[in-house]
Amino acid sequence: MTEREALHQLNEQYVRASLAGDVAWYDARLAADFVCIESDGSVLDKPAFLSRTACGSDLADYRLAEVDVRCYGDVALVRALGVWTTKSGTPGTSRYVDVYVRSDGDWKVVSAQITRPARVG
């Protein structure tokens, strides 16, 4: 498996873990100094992100529409567009970028940033 294929696989696992509220997956894959910038501008460190994950997702589904993986040595950027529906039936999209760093042969997420475009109409 190539590095890009492995990162695509990790990205898909990341999405599944989010929908499932899989705190153990995130605890194993997020770097100790992980930071997430949410779509509302709030910033979560790893403990806060894990706590929020444990509360469960408000999404019924999340489908990856576009994924772009770029590797720069021991750093990789995963940029994607997701199409989702909330549990109440509201549709939406989001774009995100996750930054991975390879350490001791293992990829860890060090940063995530999520953007949800404003609804038009």
N, C-alpha and C. Protein backbone atom coordinates (compact mmCIF):
# COMPACT_ATOMS: atom_id res chain seq x y z
N MET A 1 0.84 -1.18 0.00
CA MET A 1 0.00 0.00 0.00
C MET A 1 0.89 1.24 0.00
N THR A 2 0.58 2.18 -0.87
CA THR A 2 1.36 3.42 -0.93
C THR A 2 0.98 4.33 0.24
N GLU A 3 1.81 5.35 0.48
CA GLU A 3 1.50 6.32 1.54
C GLU A 3 0.16 7.00 1.26
N ARG A 4 -0.07 7.40 0.03
CA ARG A 4 -1.33 8.06 -0.32
C ARG A 4 -2.53 7.15 -0.07
N GLU A 5 -2.40 5.87 -0.42
CA GLU A 5 -3.49 4.92 -0.17
C GLU A 5 -3.73 4.76 1.33
N ALA A 6 -2.65 4.69 2.10
CA ALA A 6 -2.79 4.57 3.55
C ALA A 6 -3.48 5.80 4.14
N LEU A 7 -3.14 6.97 3.64
CA LEU A 7 -3.78 8.20 4.13
C LEU A 7 -5.23 8.29 3.70
N HIS A 8 -5.56 7.83 2.50
CA HIS A 8 -6.96 7.76 2.08
C HIS A 8 -7.73 6.86 3.04
N GLN A 9 -7.14 5.73 3.38
CA GLN A 9 -7.78 4.78 4.30
C GLN A 9 -7.96 5.41 5.69
N LEU A 10 -6.93 6.09 6.19
CA LEU A 10 -7.05 6.76 7.48
C LEU A 10 -8.14 7.83 7.44
N ASN A 11 -8.26 8.55 6.34
CA ASN A 11 -9.29 9.57 6.20
C ASN A 11 -10.69 8.94 6.28
N GLU A 12 -10.88 7.83 5.60
CA GLU A 12 -12.17 7.13 5.65
C GLU A 12 -12.47 6.64 7.06
N GLN A 13 -11.44 6.14 7.76
CA GLN A 13 -11.61 5.70 9.14
C GLN A 13 -11.96 6.88 10.05
N TYR A 14 -11.35 8.02 9.80
CA TYR A 14 -11.61 9.24 10.57
C TYR A 14 -13.09 9.60 10.48
N VAL A 15 -13.64 9.57 9.26
CA VAL A 15 -15.05 9.89 9.06
C VAL A 15 -15.94 8.88 9.77
N ARG A 16 -15.65 7.59 9.61
CA ARG A 16 -16.45 6.55 10.27
C ARG A 16 -16.39 6.70 11.78
N ALA A 17 -15.20 7.01 12.32
CA ALA A 17 -15.05 7.19 13.76
C ALA A 17 -15.88 8.36 14.25
N SER A 18 -15.95 9.41 13.45
CA SER A 18 -16.76 10.57 13.81
C SER A 18 -18.23 10.20 13.92
N LEU A 19 -18.75 9.52 12.92
CA LEU A 19 -20.16 9.12 12.92
C LEU A 19 -20.49 8.16 14.05
N ALA A 20 -19.52 7.29 14.39
CA ALA A 20 -19.74 6.27 15.42
C ALA A 20 -19.42 6.76 16.82
N GLY A 21 -18.84 7.95 16.95
CA GLY A 21 -18.42 8.42 18.27
C GLY A 21 -17.30 7.55 18.85
N ASP A 22 -16.39 7.10 17.98
CA ASP A 22 -15.33 6.16 18.35
C ASP A 22 -14.14 6.89 18.99
N VAL A 23 -14.24 7.14 20.27
CA VAL A 23 -13.20 7.86 21.01
C VAL A 23 -11.88 7.10 20.97
N ALA A 24 -11.92 5.78 21.05
CA ALA A 24 -10.69 4.97 21.07
C ALA A 24 -9.90 5.15 19.78
N TRP A 25 -10.60 5.20 18.64
CA TRP A 25 -9.90 5.39 17.37
C TRP A 25 -9.16 6.73 17.38
N TYR A 26 -9.86 7.79 17.78
CA TYR A 26 -9.24 9.11 17.81
C TYR A 26 -8.10 9.18 18.83
N ASP A 27 -8.29 8.59 19.98
CA ASP A 27 -7.24 8.63 21.00
C ASP A 27 -5.95 8.01 20.47
N ALA A 28 -6.08 6.96 19.66
CA ALA A 28 -4.91 6.28 19.10
C ALA A 28 -4.31 7.03 17.92
N ARG A 29 -5.10 7.79 17.18
CA ARG A 29 -4.65 8.40 15.93
C ARG A 29 -4.35 9.89 16.01
N LEU A 30 -4.80 10.57 17.06
CA LEU A 30 -4.52 12.00 17.19
C LEU A 30 -3.24 12.19 17.98
N ALA A 31 -2.41 13.12 17.53
CA ALA A 31 -1.18 13.45 18.26
C ALA A 31 -1.56 14.07 19.61
N ALA A 32 -0.67 13.99 20.56
CA ALA A 32 -0.93 14.55 21.90
C ALA A 32 -1.24 16.04 21.83
N ASP A 33 -0.61 16.75 20.89
CA ASP A 33 -0.82 18.20 20.78
C ASP A 33 -1.81 18.56 19.66
N PHE A 34 -2.69 17.62 19.30
CA PHE A 34 -3.70 17.82 18.27
C PHE A 34 -4.57 19.05 18.57
N VAL A 35 -4.93 19.78 17.51
CA VAL A 35 -5.83 20.92 17.61
C VAL A 35 -6.83 20.84 16.46
N CYS A 36 -8.10 21.09 16.78
CA CYS A 36 -9.15 21.14 15.77
C CYS A 36 -9.77 22.53 15.78
N ILE A 37 -9.85 23.15 14.61
CA ILE A 37 -10.55 24.42 14.46
C ILE A 37 -11.91 24.08 13.84
N GLU A 38 -12.95 24.26 14.63
CA GLU A 38 -14.31 23.92 14.20
C GLU A 38 -14.84 24.96 13.21
N SER A 39 -15.93 24.63 12.56
CA SER A 39 -16.52 25.52 11.56
C SER A 39 -17.03 26.83 12.17
N ASP A 40 -17.29 26.84 13.48
CA ASP A 40 -17.74 28.07 14.13
C ASP A 40 -16.58 28.90 14.67
N GLY A 41 -15.35 28.44 14.41
CA GLY A 41 -14.16 29.17 14.85
C GLY A 41 -13.62 28.73 16.19
N SER A 42 -14.35 27.88 16.90
CA SER A 42 -13.85 27.41 18.20
C SER A 42 -12.66 26.47 17.99
N VAL A 43 -11.80 26.41 18.99
CA VAL A 43 -10.58 25.60 18.92
C VAL A 43 -10.65 24.54 20.02
N LEU A 44 -10.46 23.29 19.61
CA LEU A 44 -10.49 22.17 20.55
C LEU A 44 -9.13 21.51 20.61
N ASP A 45 -8.62 21.28 21.82
CA ASP A 45 -7.42 20.46 21.95
C ASP A 45 -7.86 18.99 21.98
N LYS A 46 -6.92 18.09 22.11
CA LYS A 46 -7.25 16.67 22.04
C LYS A 46 -8.26 16.25 23.10
N PRO A 47 -8.07 16.59 24.38
CA PRO A 47 -9.06 16.18 25.37
C PRO A 47 -10.47 16.72 25.07
N ALA A 48 -10.57 17.97 24.66
CA ALA A 48 -11.89 18.55 24.34
C ALA A 48 -12.50 17.87 23.12
N PHE A 49 -11.67 17.55 22.12
CA PHE A 49 -12.16 16.87 20.93
C PHE A 49 -12.68 15.47 21.29
N LEU A 50 -11.94 14.75 22.13
CA LEU A 50 -12.38 13.41 22.55
C LEU A 50 -13.67 13.49 23.34
N SER A 51 -13.79 14.50 24.19
CA SER A 51 -15.01 14.68 24.97
C SER A 51 -16.21 14.95 24.06
N ARG A 52 -16.02 15.80 23.07
CA ARG A 52 -17.10 16.10 22.13
C ARG A 52 -17.45 14.86 21.32
N THR A 53 -16.45 14.09 20.91
CA THR A 53 -16.69 12.86 20.15
C THR A 53 -17.54 11.88 20.95
N ALA A 54 -17.27 11.79 22.25
CA ALA A 54 -18.01 10.87 23.12
C ALA A 54 -19.50 11.21 23.19
N CYS A 55 -19.86 12.45 22.91
CA CYS A 55 -21.27 12.88 22.94
C CYS A 55 -22.04 12.39 21.72
N GLY A 56 -21.34 11.94 20.70
CA GLY A 56 -21.99 11.43 19.49
C GLY A 56 -22.16 12.52 18.44
N SER A 57 -22.35 12.10 17.23
CA SER A 57 -22.48 13.00 16.09
C SER A 57 -23.94 13.40 15.88
N ASP A 58 -24.14 14.60 15.35
CA ASP A 58 -25.49 15.04 14.97
C ASP A 58 -25.79 14.67 13.52
N LEU A 59 -24.87 13.94 12.88
CA LEU A 59 -25.04 13.57 11.48
C LEU A 59 -25.57 12.15 11.34
N ALA A 60 -26.48 11.97 10.41
CA ALA A 60 -26.99 10.63 10.09
C ALA A 60 -26.07 9.95 9.09
N ASP A 61 -25.49 10.75 8.19
CA ASP A 61 -24.54 10.20 7.21
C ASP A 61 -23.57 11.29 6.76
N TYR A 62 -22.47 10.84 6.23
CA TYR A 62 -21.43 11.74 5.73
C TYR A 62 -20.73 11.01 4.60
N ARG A 63 -20.84 11.56 3.40
CA ARG A 63 -20.25 10.93 2.21
C ARG A 63 -19.14 11.81 1.68
N LEU A 64 -18.00 11.21 1.42
CA LEU A 64 -16.88 11.94 0.85
C LEU A 64 -17.11 12.13 -0.64
N ALA A 65 -17.13 13.39 -1.08
CA ALA A 65 -17.36 13.69 -2.49
C ALA A 65 -16.06 13.95 -3.23
N GLU A 66 -15.09 14.53 -2.53
CA GLU A 66 -13.77 14.81 -3.11
C GLU A 66 -12.73 14.58 -2.01
N VAL A 67 -11.63 13.95 -2.37
CA VAL A 67 -10.52 13.79 -1.44
C VAL A 67 -9.22 14.02 -2.19
N ASP A 68 -8.37 14.87 -1.64
CA ASP A 68 -7.06 15.15 -2.23
C ASP A 68 -6.00 14.94 -1.15
N VAL A 69 -5.08 14.03 -1.41
CA VAL A 69 -4.01 13.73 -0.46
C VAL A 69 -2.69 14.19 -1.06
N ARG A 70 -1.97 15.00 -0.30
CA ARG A 70 -0.65 15.49 -0.72
C ARG A 70 0.37 15.13 0.34
N CYS A 71 1.46 14.50 -0.08
CA CYS A 71 2.53 14.12 0.84
C CYS A 71 3.74 15.00 0.62
N TYR A 72 4.32 15.46 1.73
CA TYR A 72 5.51 16.30 1.72
C TYR A 72 6.49 15.72 2.73
N GLY A 73 7.12 14.62 2.36
CA GLY A 73 8.01 13.93 3.29
C GLY A 73 7.22 13.31 4.42
N ASP A 74 7.50 13.75 5.65
CA ASP A 74 6.82 13.20 6.82
C ASP A 74 5.58 14.00 7.22
N VAL A 75 5.11 14.86 6.32
CA VAL A 75 3.89 15.64 6.55
C VAL A 75 2.95 15.37 5.37
N ALA A 76 1.66 15.25 5.67
CA ALA A 76 0.66 15.05 4.62
C ALA A 76 -0.56 15.90 4.90
N LEU A 77 -1.15 16.43 3.83
CA LEU A 77 -2.40 17.17 3.93
C LEU A 77 -3.49 16.35 3.27
N VAL A 78 -4.59 16.19 3.97
CA VAL A 78 -5.77 15.54 3.41
C VAL A 78 -6.86 16.59 3.35
N ARG A 79 -7.22 16.98 2.11
CA ARG A 79 -8.28 17.96 1.91
C ARG A 79 -9.47 17.24 1.29
N ALA A 80 -10.67 17.57 1.79
CA ALA A 80 -11.83 16.85 1.29
C ALA A 80 -13.09 17.70 1.34
N LEU A 81 -14.05 17.28 0.54
CA LEU A 81 -15.39 17.82 0.54
C LEU A 81 -16.32 16.70 0.96
N GLY A 82 -17.13 16.96 1.96
CA GLY A 82 -18.09 15.98 2.41
C GLY A 82 -19.51 16.48 2.24
N VAL A 83 -20.41 15.56 1.94
CA VAL A 83 -21.83 15.87 1.82
C VAL A 83 -22.52 15.09 2.93
N TRP A 84 -23.31 15.79 3.73
CA TRP A 84 -23.89 15.16 4.91
C TRP A 84 -25.36 15.50 5.08
N THR A 85 -25.98 14.72 5.95
CA THR A 85 -27.36 14.95 6.37
C THR A 85 -27.41 14.79 7.88
N THR A 86 -28.02 15.75 8.54
CA THR A 86 -28.17 15.64 10.00
C THR A 86 -29.24 14.60 10.33
N LYS A 87 -29.29 14.21 11.59
CA LYS A 87 -30.31 13.24 12.02
C LYS A 87 -31.71 13.81 11.87
N SER A 88 -31.84 15.14 11.84
CA SER A 88 -33.16 15.75 11.64
C SER A 88 -33.50 15.92 10.15
N GLY A 89 -32.56 15.53 9.26
CA GLY A 89 -32.83 15.56 7.83
C GLY A 89 -32.28 16.76 7.07
N THR A 90 -31.59 17.66 7.75
CA THR A 90 -31.02 18.83 7.09
C THR A 90 -29.76 18.46 6.33
N PRO A 91 -29.69 18.77 5.03
CA PRO A 91 -28.48 18.45 4.25
C PRO A 91 -27.45 19.57 4.37
N GLY A 92 -26.21 19.24 4.04
CA GLY A 92 -25.17 20.25 4.03
C GLY A 92 -23.89 19.71 3.44
N THR A 93 -22.91 20.59 3.36
CA THR A 93 -21.58 20.21 2.89
C THR A 93 -20.54 20.80 3.84
N SER A 94 -19.38 20.23 3.82
CA SER A 94 -18.25 20.79 4.57
C SER A 94 -16.97 20.48 3.81
N ARG A 95 -16.02 21.38 3.98
CA ARG A 95 -14.67 21.16 3.48
C ARG A 95 -13.77 21.11 4.69
N TYR A 96 -12.75 20.28 4.61
CA TYR A 96 -11.81 20.22 5.72
C TYR A 96 -10.42 19.93 5.22
N VAL A 97 -9.47 20.25 6.06
CA VAL A 97 -8.09 19.85 5.83
C VAL A 97 -7.56 19.27 7.14
N ASP A 98 -7.00 18.09 7.03
CA ASP A 98 -6.34 17.43 8.16
C ASP A 98 -4.86 17.35 7.86
N VAL A 99 -4.05 17.65 8.85
CA VAL A 99 -2.60 17.60 8.71
C VAL A 99 -2.10 16.38 9.49
N TYR A 100 -1.41 15.51 8.79
CA TYR A 100 -0.82 14.30 9.38
C TYR A 100 0.70 14.45 9.43
N VAL A 101 1.29 13.92 10.48
CA VAL A 101 2.74 13.88 10.60
C VAL A 101 3.13 12.42 10.86
N ARG A 102 4.14 11.96 10.14
CA ARG A 102 4.63 10.59 10.33
C ARG A 102 5.74 10.61 11.36
N SER A 103 5.57 9.79 12.38
CA SER A 103 6.57 9.65 13.43
C SER A 103 6.74 8.17 13.73
N ASP A 104 7.96 7.70 13.68
CA ASP A 104 8.26 6.28 13.90
C ASP A 104 7.43 5.38 12.99
N GLY A 105 7.22 5.85 11.74
CA GLY A 105 6.51 5.06 10.74
C GLY A 105 5.00 5.08 10.86
N ASP A 106 4.46 5.86 11.80
CA ASP A 106 3.02 5.89 12.04
C ASP A 106 2.49 7.30 11.78
N TRP A 107 1.37 7.43 11.07
CA TRP A 107 0.76 8.73 10.80
C TRP A 107 -0.15 9.14 11.94
N LYS A 108 0.03 10.36 12.43
CA LYS A 108 -0.82 10.94 13.48
C LYS A 108 -1.40 12.25 12.97
N VAL A 109 -2.64 12.52 13.33
CA VAL A 109 -3.28 13.79 12.95
C VAL A 109 -2.85 14.84 13.97
N VAL A 110 -2.29 15.95 13.49
CA VAL A 110 -1.86 17.02 14.38
C VAL A 110 -2.80 18.22 14.32
N SER A 111 -3.54 18.34 13.22
CA SER A 111 -4.42 19.49 13.06
C SER A 111 -5.57 19.14 12.14
N ALA A 112 -6.73 19.71 12.45
CA ALA A 112 -7.91 19.58 11.60
C ALA A 112 -8.60 20.93 11.55
N GLN A 113 -9.08 21.30 10.37
CA GLN A 113 -9.85 22.54 10.24
C GLN A 113 -11.04 22.26 9.36
N ILE A 114 -12.22 22.66 9.83
CA ILE A 114 -13.49 22.35 9.16
C ILE A 114 -14.17 23.66 8.75
N THR A 115 -14.70 23.68 7.53
CA THR A 115 -15.46 24.83 7.05
C THR A 115 -16.80 24.33 6.53
N ARG A 116 -17.85 24.94 7.02
CA ARG A 116 -19.19 24.64 6.49
C ARG A 116 -19.70 25.91 5.81
N PRO A 117 -19.80 25.88 4.47
CA PRO A 117 -20.26 27.08 3.77
C PRO A 117 -21.66 27.49 4.24
N ALA A 118 -21.90 28.79 4.24
CA ALA A 118 -23.22 29.31 4.61
C ALA A 118 -24.24 28.85 3.59
N ARG A 119 -25.44 28.59 4.06
CA ARG A 119 -26.52 28.20 3.15
C ARG A 119 -26.99 29.43 2.38
N VAL A 120 -27.29 29.21 1.13
CA VAL A 120 -27.79 30.30 0.29
C VAL A 120 -29.31 30.15 0.18
N GLY A 121 -30.01 31.25 0.27
CA GLY A 121 -31.46 31.20 0.08
C GLY A 121 -32.14 31.29 1.34
